[in-house]
């Protein structure tokens, strides 16, 4: 899921910008929590991520927002390999915040 800005006009013709959630795709894959240290050791010190998703393919891009269960994540990296893609996610909040 990603958040996109939508421009609408009010009754007086002024442009109002709002954000809305758009489901870009449902990613089917293996989701696992990890430690920041383990992710950085495996994938690089510059990546701040606590979750790993492995999937066959995805249209997702870096900096997009994902939602899984009651948490909101930002995609920090997408690492392709021969058989799958690894998506590294950083927790940015809960849905009730």
PDB file of N, CA and C in Angstrom:
ATOM      1  N   UNK A   1       0.851  -1.169   0.000  1.00  0.00           N
ATOM      2  CA  UNK A   1       0.000   0.000   0.000  1.00  0.00           C
ATOM      3  C   UNK A   1       0.894   1.227   0.000  1.00  0.00           C
ATOM      4  N   UNK A   2       0.478   2.206  -0.697  1.00  0.00           N
ATOM      5  CA  UNK A   2       1.231   3.455  -0.737  1.00  0.00           C
ATOM      6  C   UNK A   2       0.279   4.610  -0.480  1.00  0.00           C
ATOM      7  N   UNK A   3       0.801   5.722  -0.048  1.00  0.00           N
ATOM      8  CA  UNK A   3      -0.006   6.910   0.191  1.00  0.00           C
ATOM      9  C   UNK A   3       0.271   7.897  -0.931  1.00  0.00           C
ATOM     10  N   UNK A   4      -0.778   8.355  -1.563  1.00  0.00           N
ATOM     11  CA  UNK A   4      -0.628   9.310  -2.649  1.00  0.00           C
ATOM     12  C   UNK A   4      -1.416  10.569  -2.327  1.00  0.00           C
ATOM     13  N   UNK A   5      -0.958  11.678  -2.856  1.00  0.00           N
ATOM     14  CA  UNK A   5      -1.667  12.935  -2.674  1.00  0.00           C
ATOM     15  C   UNK A   5      -2.678  13.098  -3.801  1.00  0.00           C
ATOM     16  N   UNK A   6      -3.845  13.573  -3.434  1.00  0.00           N
ATOM     17  CA  UNK A   6      -4.905  13.792  -4.406  1.00  0.00           C
ATOM     18  C   UNK A   6      -5.325  15.259  -4.315  1.00  0.00           C
ATOM     19  N   UNK A   7      -5.478  15.890  -5.443  1.00  0.00           N
ATOM     20  CA  UNK A   7      -5.926  17.270  -5.448  1.00  0.00           C
ATOM     21  C   UNK A   7      -7.401  17.319  -5.811  1.00  0.00           C
ATOM     22  N   UNK A   8      -8.169  17.991  -4.976  1.00  0.00           N
ATOM     23  CA  UNK A   8      -9.592  18.185  -5.250  1.00  0.00           C
ATOM     24  C   UNK A   8      -9.894  19.675  -5.117  1.00  0.00           C
ATOM     25  N   UNK A   9     -10.992  20.099  -5.691  1.00  0.00           N
ATOM     26  CA  UNK A   9     -11.393  21.508  -5.613  1.00  0.00           C
ATOM     27  C   UNK A   9     -12.596  21.632  -4.679  1.00  0.00           C
ATOM     28  N   UNK A  10     -12.546  22.672  -3.833  1.00  0.00           N
ATOM     29  CA  UNK A  10     -13.687  22.923  -2.955  1.00  0.00           C
ATOM     30  C   UNK A  10     -14.761  23.694  -3.727  1.00  0.00           C
ATOM     31  N   UNK A  11     -15.810  24.095  -3.055  1.00  0.00           N
ATOM     32  CA  UNK A  11     -16.935  24.775  -3.699  1.00  0.00           C
ATOM     33  C   UNK A  11     -16.545  26.105  -4.331  1.00  0.00           C
ATOM     34  N   UNK A  12     -15.478  26.730  -3.837  1.00  0.00           N
ATOM     35  CA  UNK A  12     -15.041  28.015  -4.370  1.00  0.00           C
ATOM     36  C   UNK A  12     -13.948  27.872  -5.424  1.00  0.00           C
ATOM     37  N   UNK A  13     -13.569  26.635  -5.747  1.00  0.00           N
ATOM     38  CA  UNK A  13     -12.574  26.403  -6.784  1.00  0.00           C
ATOM     39  C   UNK A  13     -11.140  26.323  -6.303  1.00  0.00           C
ATOM     40  N   UNK A  14     -10.928  26.423  -4.997  1.00  0.00           N
ATOM     41  CA  UNK A  14      -9.573  26.318  -4.454  1.00  0.00           C
ATOM     42  C   UNK A  14      -9.122  24.858  -4.457  1.00  0.00           C
ATOM     43  N   UNK A  15      -7.858  24.660  -4.752  1.00  0.00           N
ATOM     44  CA  UNK A  15      -7.304  23.307  -4.753  1.00  0.00           C
ATOM     45  C   UNK A  15      -6.932  22.914  -3.335  1.00  0.00           C
ATOM     46  N   UNK A  16      -7.436  21.763  -2.931  1.00  0.00           N
ATOM     47  CA  UNK A  16      -7.130  21.210  -1.612  1.00  0.00           C
ATOM     48  C   UNK A  16      -6.384  19.903  -1.852  1.00  0.00           C
ATOM     49  N   UNK A  17      -5.268  19.751  -1.180  1.00  0.00           N
ATOM     50  CA  UNK A  17      -4.475  18.540  -1.348  1.00  0.00           C
ATOM     51  C   UNK A  17      -4.723  17.627  -0.152  1.00  0.00           C
ATOM     52  N   UNK A  18      -5.098  16.405  -0.419  1.00  0.00           N
ATOM     53  CA  UNK A  18      -5.334  15.444   0.642  1.00  0.00           C
ATOM     54  C   UNK A  18      -4.512  14.194   0.367  1.00  0.00           C
ATOM     55  N   UNK A  19      -4.301  13.420   1.397  1.00  0.00           N
ATOM     56  CA  UNK A  19      -3.597  12.157   1.228  1.00  0.00           C
ATOM     57  C   UNK A  19      -4.604  11.030   1.349  1.00  0.00           C
ATOM     58  N   UNK A  20      -4.411  10.004   0.561  1.00  0.00           N
ATOM     59  CA  UNK A  20      -5.272   8.838   0.675  1.00  0.00           C
ATOM     60  C   UNK A  20      -4.435   7.599   0.413  1.00  0.00           C
ATOM     61  N   UNK A  21      -4.845   6.517   1.021  1.00  0.00           N
ATOM     62  CA  UNK A  21      -4.143   5.256   0.828  1.00  0.00           C
ATOM     63  C   UNK A  21      -4.633   4.601  -0.448  1.00  0.00           C
ATOM     64  N   UNK A  22      -3.695   4.167  -1.245  1.00  0.00           N
ATOM     65  CA  UNK A  22      -3.995   3.478  -2.488  1.00  0.00           C
ATOM     66  C   UNK A  22      -3.308   2.117  -2.414  1.00  0.00           C
ATOM     67  N   UNK A  23      -4.034   1.076  -2.637  1.00  0.00           N
ATOM     68  CA  UNK A  23      -3.418  -0.244  -2.646  1.00  0.00           C
ATOM     69  C   UNK A  23      -2.779  -0.449  -4.005  1.00  0.00           C
ATOM     70  N   UNK A  24      -1.462  -0.449  -4.002  1.00  0.00           N
ATOM     71  CA  UNK A  24      -0.702  -0.639  -5.233  1.00  0.00           C
ATOM     72  C   UNK A  24      -0.631  -2.117  -5.569  1.00  0.00           C
ATOM     73  N   UNK A  25      -0.371  -2.922  -4.549  1.00  0.00           N
ATOM     74  CA  UNK A  25      -0.336  -4.366  -4.712  1.00  0.00           C
ATOM     75  C   UNK A  25      -0.328  -5.019  -3.344  1.00  0.00           C
ATOM     76  N   UNK A  26      -0.736  -6.249  -3.300  1.00  0.00           N
ATOM     77  CA  UNK A  26      -0.611  -7.067  -2.099  1.00  0.00           C
ATOM     78  C   UNK A  26       0.625  -7.933  -2.304  1.00  0.00           C
ATOM     79  N   UNK A  27       1.579  -7.785  -1.428  1.00  0.00           N
ATOM     80  CA  UNK A  27       2.820  -8.538  -1.552  1.00  0.00           C
ATOM     81  C   UNK A  27       2.660  -9.854  -0.800  1.00  0.00           C
ATOM     82  N   UNK A  28       2.848 -10.944  -1.506  1.00  0.00           N
ATOM     83  CA  UNK A  28       2.801 -12.257  -0.874  1.00  0.00           C
ATOM     84  C   UNK A  28       4.233 -12.711  -0.664  1.00  0.00           C
ATOM     85  N   UNK A  29       4.595 -12.892   0.595  1.00  0.00           N
ATOM     86  CA  UNK A  29       5.964 -13.280   0.875  1.00  0.00           C
ATOM     87  C   UNK A  29       6.149 -13.698   2.311  1.00  0.00           C
ATOM     88  N   UNK A  30       7.373 -13.889   2.687  1.00  0.00           N
ATOM     89  CA  UNK A  30       7.753 -14.290   4.029  1.00  0.00           C
ATOM     90  C   UNK A  30       8.166 -13.048   4.806  1.00  0.00           C
ATOM     91  N   UNK A  31       7.421 -12.719   5.864  1.00  0.00           N
ATOM     92  CA  UNK A  31       7.692 -11.540   6.686  1.00  0.00           C
ATOM     93  C   UNK A  31       8.372 -11.985   7.961  1.00  0.00           C
ATOM     94  N   UNK A  32       9.469 -11.319   8.318  1.00  0.00           N
ATOM     95  CA  UNK A  32      10.132 -11.647   9.580  1.00  0.00           C
ATOM     96  C   UNK A  32      10.713 -10.393  10.223  1.00  0.00           C
ATOM     97  N   UNK A  33      10.583 -10.336  11.541  1.00  0.00           N
ATOM     98  CA  UNK A  33      11.229  -9.268  12.288  1.00  0.00           C
ATOM     99  C   UNK A  33      12.686  -9.630  12.479  1.00  0.00           C
ATOM    100  N   UNK A  34      13.528  -8.641  12.497  1.00  0.00           N
ATOM    101  CA  UNK A  34      14.948  -8.847  12.697  1.00  0.00           C
ATOM    102  C   UNK A  34      15.457  -7.729  13.592  1.00  0.00           C
ATOM    103  N   UNK A  35      16.711  -7.801  13.964  1.00  0.00           N
ATOM    104  CA  UNK A  35      17.293  -6.703  14.725  1.00  0.00           C
ATOM    105  C   UNK A  35      17.981  -5.747  13.759  1.00  0.00           C
ATOM    106  N   UNK A  36      18.040  -4.511  14.148  1.00  0.00           N
ATOM    107  CA  UNK A  36      18.715  -3.502  13.332  1.00  0.00           C
ATOM    108  C   UNK A  36      20.163  -3.910  13.085  1.00  0.00           C
ATOM    109  N   UNK A  37      20.806  -4.438  14.104  1.00  0.00           N
ATOM    110  CA  UNK A  37      22.208  -4.839  13.974  1.00  0.00           C
ATOM    111  C   UNK A  37      22.371  -5.961  12.950  1.00  0.00           C
ATOM    112  N   UNK A  38      21.471  -6.934  12.977  1.00  0.00           N
ATOM    113  CA  UNK A  38      21.562  -8.058  12.041  1.00  0.00           C
ATOM    114  C   UNK A  38      21.345  -7.586  10.599  1.00  0.00           C
ATOM    115  N   UNK A  39      20.360  -6.716  10.398  1.00  0.00           N
ATOM    116  CA  UNK A  39      20.090  -6.186   9.055  1.00  0.00           C
ATOM    117  C   UNK A  39      21.291  -5.400   8.559  1.00  0.00           C
ATOM    118  N   UNK A  40      21.847  -4.557   9.411  1.00  0.00           N
ATOM    119  CA  UNK A  40      22.989  -3.747   8.991  1.00  0.00           C
ATOM    120  C   UNK A  40      24.220  -4.605   8.723  1.00  0.00           C
ATOM    121  N   UNK A  41      24.404  -5.658   9.486  1.00  0.00           N
ATOM    122  CA  UNK A  41      25.535  -6.556   9.260  1.00  0.00           C
ATOM    123  C   UNK A  41      25.383  -7.289   7.927  1.00  0.00           C
ATOM    124  N   UNK A  42      24.151  -7.706   7.625  1.00  0.00           N
ATOM    125  CA  UNK A  42      23.889  -8.481   6.410  1.00  0.00           C
ATOM    126  C   UNK A  42      23.812  -7.604   5.158  1.00  0.00           C
ATOM    127  N   UNK A  43      23.173  -6.424   5.267  1.00  0.00           N
ATOM    128  CA  UNK A  43      22.860  -5.632   4.084  1.00  0.00           C
ATOM    129  C   UNK A  43      23.561  -4.272   4.005  1.00  0.00           C
ATOM    130  N   UNK A  44      24.185  -3.824   5.079  1.00  0.00           N
ATOM    131  CA  UNK A  44      24.914  -2.563   5.014  1.00  0.00           C
ATOM    132  C   UNK A  44      24.572  -1.623   6.146  1.00  0.00           C
ATOM    133  N   UNK A  45      25.568  -0.903   6.620  1.00  0.00           N
ATOM    134  CA  UNK A  45      25.412  -0.016   7.771  1.00  0.00           C
ATOM    135  C   UNK A  45      24.479   1.158   7.519  1.00  0.00           C
ATOM    136  N   UNK A  46      24.339   1.571   6.262  1.00  0.00           N
ATOM    137  CA  UNK A  46      23.519   2.749   5.979  1.00  0.00           C
ATOM    138  C   UNK A  46      22.020   2.457   5.992  1.00  0.00           C
ATOM    139  N   UNK A  47      21.637   1.196   6.060  1.00  0.00           N
ATOM    140  CA  UNK A  47      20.222   0.827   6.020  1.00  0.00           C
ATOM    141  C   UNK A  47      19.670   0.742   7.443  1.00  0.00           C
ATOM    142  N   UNK A  48      18.595   1.484   7.703  1.00  0.00           N
ATOM    143  CA  UNK A  48      17.902   1.424   8.987  1.00  0.00           C
ATOM    144  C   UNK A  48      16.606   0.662   8.759  1.00  0.00           C
ATOM    145  N   UNK A  49      16.606  -0.619   9.151  1.00  0.00           N
ATOM    146  CA  UNK A  49      15.445  -1.475   8.940  1.00  0.00           C
ATOM    147  C   UNK A  49      15.392  -2.536  10.024  1.00  0.00           C
ATOM    148  N   UNK A  50      14.177  -2.929  10.400  1.00  0.00           N
ATOM    149  CA  UNK A  50      13.998  -3.943  11.431  1.00  0.00           C
ATOM    150  C   UNK A  50      13.216  -5.156  10.932  1.00  0.00           C
ATOM    151  N   UNK A  51      12.744  -5.109   9.692  1.00  0.00           N
ATOM    152  CA  UNK A  51      11.929  -6.201   9.157  1.00  0.00           C
ATOM    153  C   UNK A  51      12.405  -6.573   7.759  1.00  0.00           C
ATOM    154  N   UNK A  52      12.230  -7.844   7.437  1.00  0.00           N
ATOM    155  CA  UNK A  52      12.645  -8.363   6.142  1.00  0.00           C
ATOM    156  C   UNK A  52      11.468  -9.105   5.514  1.00  0.00           C
ATOM    157  N   UNK A  53      11.211  -8.828   4.253  1.00  0.00           N
ATOM    158  CA  UNK A  53      10.202  -9.565   3.495  1.00  0.00           C
ATOM    159  C   UNK A  53      10.898 -10.153   2.281  1.00  0.00           C
ATOM    160  N   UNK A  54      10.709 -11.445   2.068  1.00  0.00           N
ATOM    161  CA  UNK A  54      11.204 -12.058   0.834  1.00  0.00           C
ATOM    162  C   UNK A  54       9.989 -12.452   0.008  1.00  0.00           C
ATOM    163  N   UNK A  55      10.030 -12.154  -1.289  1.00  0.00           N
ATOM    164  CA  UNK A  55       8.911 -12.444  -2.176  1.00  0.00           C
ATOM    165  C   UNK A  55       9.444 -12.715  -3.583  1.00  0.00           C
ATOM    166  N   UNK A  56       8.590 -13.299  -4.415  1.00  0.00           N
ATOM    167  CA  UNK A  56       9.013 -13.595  -5.785  1.00  0.00           C
ATOM    168  C   UNK A  56       9.267 -12.335  -6.589  1.00  0.00           C
ATOM    169  N   UNK A  57       8.339 -11.374  -6.506  1.00  0.00           N
ATOM    170  CA  UNK A  57       8.467 -10.141  -7.272  1.00  0.00           C
ATOM    171  C   UNK A  57       7.595  -9.074  -6.627  1.00  0.00           C
ATOM    172  N   UNK A  58       7.885  -7.828  -6.912  1.00  0.00           N
ATOM    173  CA  UNK A  58       7.092  -6.725  -6.380  1.00  0.00           C
ATOM    174  C   UNK A  58       7.240  -5.503  -7.277  1.00  0.00           C
ATOM    175  N   UNK A  59       6.213  -4.656  -7.276  1.00  0.00           N
ATOM    176  CA  UNK A  59       6.267  -3.377  -7.972  1.00  0.00           C
ATOM    177  C   UNK A  59       6.591  -2.254  -6.999  1.00  0.00           C
ATOM    178  N   UNK A  60       6.772  -2.597  -5.741  1.00  0.00           N
ATOM    179  CA  UNK A  60       7.057  -1.602  -4.708  1.00  0.00           C
ATOM    180  C   UNK A  60       8.375  -0.889  -4.996  1.00  0.00           C
ATOM    181  N   UNK A  61       8.490   0.324  -4.455  1.00  0.00           N
ATOM    182  CA  UNK A  61       9.706   1.105  -4.631  1.00  0.00           C
ATOM    183  C   UNK A  61      10.178   1.638  -3.277  1.00  0.00           C
ATOM    184  N   UNK A  62      11.428   2.031  -3.220  1.00  0.00           N
ATOM    185  CA  UNK A  62      12.010   2.562  -1.995  1.00  0.00           C
ATOM    186  C   UNK A  62      11.244   3.813  -1.565  1.00  0.00           C
ATOM    187  N   UNK A  63      11.073   3.976  -0.273  1.00  0.00           N
ATOM    188  CA  UNK A  63      10.370   5.076   0.400  1.00  0.00           C
ATOM    189  C   UNK A  63       8.856   4.960   0.374  1.00  0.00           C
ATOM    190  N   UNK A  64       8.305   3.942  -0.264  1.00  0.00           N
ATOM    191  CA  UNK A  64       6.860   3.748  -0.200  1.00  0.00           C
ATOM    192  C   UNK A  64       6.481   3.229   1.182  1.00  0.00           C
ATOM    193  N   UNK A  65       5.228   3.407   1.514  1.00  0.00           N
ATOM    194  CA  UNK A  65       4.702   2.980   2.804  1.00  0.00           C
ATOM    195  C   UNK A  65       3.987   1.641   2.635  1.00  0.00           C
ATOM    196  N   UNK A  66       4.250   0.735   3.568  1.00  0.00           N
ATOM    197  CA  UNK A  66       3.579  -0.569   3.596  1.00  0.00           C
ATOM    198  C   UNK A  66       2.852  -0.706   4.921  1.00  0.00           C
ATOM    199  N   UNK A  67       1.799  -1.477   4.914  1.00  0.00           N
ATOM    200  CA  UNK A  67       1.083  -1.770   6.149  1.00  0.00           C
ATOM    201  C   UNK A  67       0.998  -3.278   6.299  1.00  0.00           C
ATOM    202  N   UNK A  68       1.319  -3.748   7.500  1.00  0.00           N
ATOM    203  CA  UNK A  68       1.233  -5.165   7.816  1.00  0.00           C
ATOM    204  C   UNK A  68       0.742  -5.282   9.243  1.00  0.00           C
ATOM    205  N   UNK A  69      -0.345  -5.998   9.421  1.00  0.00           N
ATOM    206  CA  UNK A  69      -1.011  -6.118  10.706  1.00  0.00           C
ATOM    207  C   UNK A  69      -1.287  -4.727  11.249  1.00  0.00           C
ATOM    208  N   UNK A  70      -0.818  -4.375  12.427  1.00  0.00           N
ATOM    209  CA  UNK A  70      -1.138  -3.065  13.002  1.00  0.00           C
ATOM    210  C   UNK A  70       0.011  -2.070  12.918  1.00  0.00           C
ATOM    211  N   UNK A  71       0.966  -2.310  12.038  1.00  0.00           N
ATOM    212  CA  UNK A  71       2.133  -1.431  11.925  1.00  0.00           C
ATOM    213  C   UNK A  71       2.256  -0.817  10.534  1.00  0.00           C
ATOM    214  N   UNK A  72       2.932   0.325  10.479  1.00  0.00           N
ATOM    215  CA  UNK A  72       3.220   1.018   9.235  1.00  0.00           C
ATOM    216  C   UNK A  72       4.730   0.999   9.043  1.00  0.00           C
ATOM    217  N   UNK A  73       5.157   0.661   7.829  1.00  0.00           N
ATOM    218  CA  UNK A  73       6.577   0.517   7.526  1.00  0.00           C
ATOM    219  C   UNK A  73       6.935   1.353   6.303  1.00  0.00           C
ATOM    220  N   UNK A  74       8.193   1.765   6.248  1.00  0.00           N
ATOM    221  CA  UNK A  74       8.722   2.426   5.065  1.00  0.00           C
ATOM    222  C   UNK A  74       9.712   1.478   4.405  1.00  0.00           C
ATOM    223  N   UNK A  75       9.625   1.340   3.092  1.00  0.00           N
ATOM    224  CA  UNK A  75      10.560   0.486   2.362  1.00  0.00           C
ATOM    225  C   UNK A  75      11.898   1.210   2.274  1.00  0.00           C
ATOM    226  N   UNK A  76      12.943   0.600   2.825  1.00  0.00           N
ATOM    227  CA  UNK A  76      14.271   1.206   2.835  1.00  0.00           C
ATOM    228  C   UNK A  76      15.174   0.658   1.741  1.00  0.00           C
ATOM    229  N   UNK A  77      14.949  -0.584   1.323  1.00  0.00           N
ATOM    230  CA  UNK A  77      15.777  -1.174   0.271  1.00  0.00           C
ATOM    231  C   UNK A  77      15.044  -2.352  -0.348  1.00  0.00           C
ATOM    232  N   UNK A  78      15.312  -2.581  -1.625  1.00  0.00           N
ATOM    233  CA  UNK A  78      14.817  -3.765  -2.336  1.00  0.00           C
ATOM    234  C   UNK A  78      16.035  -4.399  -2.993  1.00  0.00           C
ATOM    235  N   UNK A  79      16.316  -5.616  -2.585  1.00  0.00           N
ATOM    236  CA  UNK A  79      17.526  -6.288  -3.042  1.00  0.00           C
ATOM    237  C   UNK A  79      17.138  -7.501  -3.883  1.00  0.00           C
ATOM    238  N   UNK A  80      17.391  -7.454  -5.189  1.00  0.00           N
ATOM    239  CA  UNK A  80      17.038  -8.593  -6.046  1.00  0.00           C
ATOM    240  C   UNK A  80      18.084  -9.702  -5.952  1.00  0.00           C
ATOM    241  N   UNK A  81      17.610 -10.928  -6.111  1.00  0.00           N
ATOM    242  CA  UNK A  81      18.518 -12.074  -6.241  1.00  0.00           C
ATOM    243  C   UNK A  81      17.979 -12.935  -7.383  1.00  0.00           C
ATOM    244  N   UNK A  82      18.592 -14.067  -7.626  1.00  0.00           N
ATOM    245  CA  UNK A  82      18.165 -14.919  -8.737  1.00  0.00           C
ATOM    246  C   UNK A  82      16.731 -15.408  -8.593  1.00  0.00           C
ATOM    247  N   UNK A  83      16.337 -15.806  -7.387  1.00  0.00           N
ATOM    248  CA  UNK A  83      15.036 -16.450  -7.214  1.00  0.00           C
ATOM    249  C   UNK A  83      13.982 -15.596  -6.531  1.00  0.00           C
ATOM    250  N   UNK A  84      14.373 -14.481  -5.914  1.00  0.00           N
ATOM    251  CA  UNK A  84      13.406 -13.678  -5.162  1.00  0.00           C
ATOM    252  C   UNK A  84      13.931 -12.251  -4.975  1.00  0.00           C
ATOM    253  N   UNK A  85      13.098 -11.433  -4.335  1.00  0.00           N
ATOM    254  CA  UNK A  85      13.514 -10.090  -3.934  1.00  0.00           C
ATOM    255  C   UNK A  85      13.409  -9.999  -2.421  1.00  0.00           C
ATOM    256  N   UNK A  86      14.347  -9.290  -1.826  1.00  0.00           N
ATOM    257  CA  UNK A  86      14.330  -9.040  -0.391  1.00  0.00           C
ATOM    258  C   UNK A  86      13.993  -7.573  -0.178  1.00  0.00           C
ATOM    259  N   UNK A  87      12.964  -7.320   0.621  1.00  0.00           N
ATOM    260  CA  UNK A  87      12.520  -5.963   0.919  1.00  0.00           C
ATOM    261  C   UNK A  87      12.855  -5.679   2.377  1.00  0.00           C
ATOM    262  N   UNK A  88      13.581  -4.602   2.626  1.00  0.00           N
ATOM    263  CA  UNK A  88      13.934  -4.215   3.988  1.00  0.00           C
ATOM    264  C   UNK A  88      13.016  -3.077   4.421  1.00  0.00           C
ATOM    265  N   UNK A  89      12.379  -3.249   5.585  1.00  0.00           N
ATOM    266  CA  UNK A  89      11.383  -2.301   6.071  1.00  0.00           C
ATOM    267  C   UNK A  89      11.800  -1.695   7.398  1.00  0.00           C
ATOM    268  N   UNK A  90      11.463  -0.422   7.560  1.00  0.00           N
ATOM    269  CA  UNK A  90      11.691   0.302   8.807  1.00  0.00           C
ATOM    270  C   UNK A  90      10.330   0.651   9.402  1.00  0.00           C
ATOM    271  N   UNK A  91      10.134   0.348  10.687  1.00  0.00           N
ATOM    272  CA  UNK A  91       8.876   0.644  11.358  1.00  0.00           C
ATOM    273  C   UNK A  91       8.761   2.154  11.550  1.00  0.00           C
ATOM    274  N   UNK A  92       7.655   2.733  11.060  1.00  0.00           N
ATOM    275  CA  UNK A  92       7.451   4.177  11.222  1.00  0.00           C
ATOM    276  C   UNK A  92       6.262   4.499  12.114  1.00  0.00           C
ATOM    277  N   UNK A  93       5.486   3.500  12.507  1.00  0.00           N
ATOM    278  CA  UNK A  93       4.379   3.760  13.417  1.00  0.00           C
ATOM    279  C   UNK A  93       3.325   2.682  13.369  1.00  0.00           C
ATOM    280  N   UNK A  94       2.368   2.846  14.272  1.00  0.00           N
ATOM    281  CA  UNK A  94       1.229   1.950  14.314  1.00  0.00           C
ATOM    282  C   UNK A  94       0.039   2.604  13.653  1.00  0.00           C
ATOM    283  N   UNK A  95      -0.941   1.816  13.275  1.00  0.00           N
ATOM    284  CA  UNK A  95      -2.124   2.358  12.597  1.00  0.00           C
ATOM    285  C   UNK A  95      -2.991   3.183  13.521  1.00  0.00           C
ATOM    286  N   UNK A  96      -2.862   2.984  14.833  1.00  0.00           N
ATOM    287  CA  UNK A  96      -3.697   3.730  15.774  1.00  0.00           C
ATOM    288  C   UNK A  96      -3.053   5.034  16.214  1.00  0.00           C
ATOM    289  N   UNK A  97      -1.904   5.398  15.677  1.00  0.00           N
ATOM    290  CA  UNK A  97      -1.228   6.644  16.064  1.00  0.00           C
ATOM    291  C   UNK A  97      -1.752   7.815  15.287  1.00  0.00           C
TER     292      UNK A  97
END
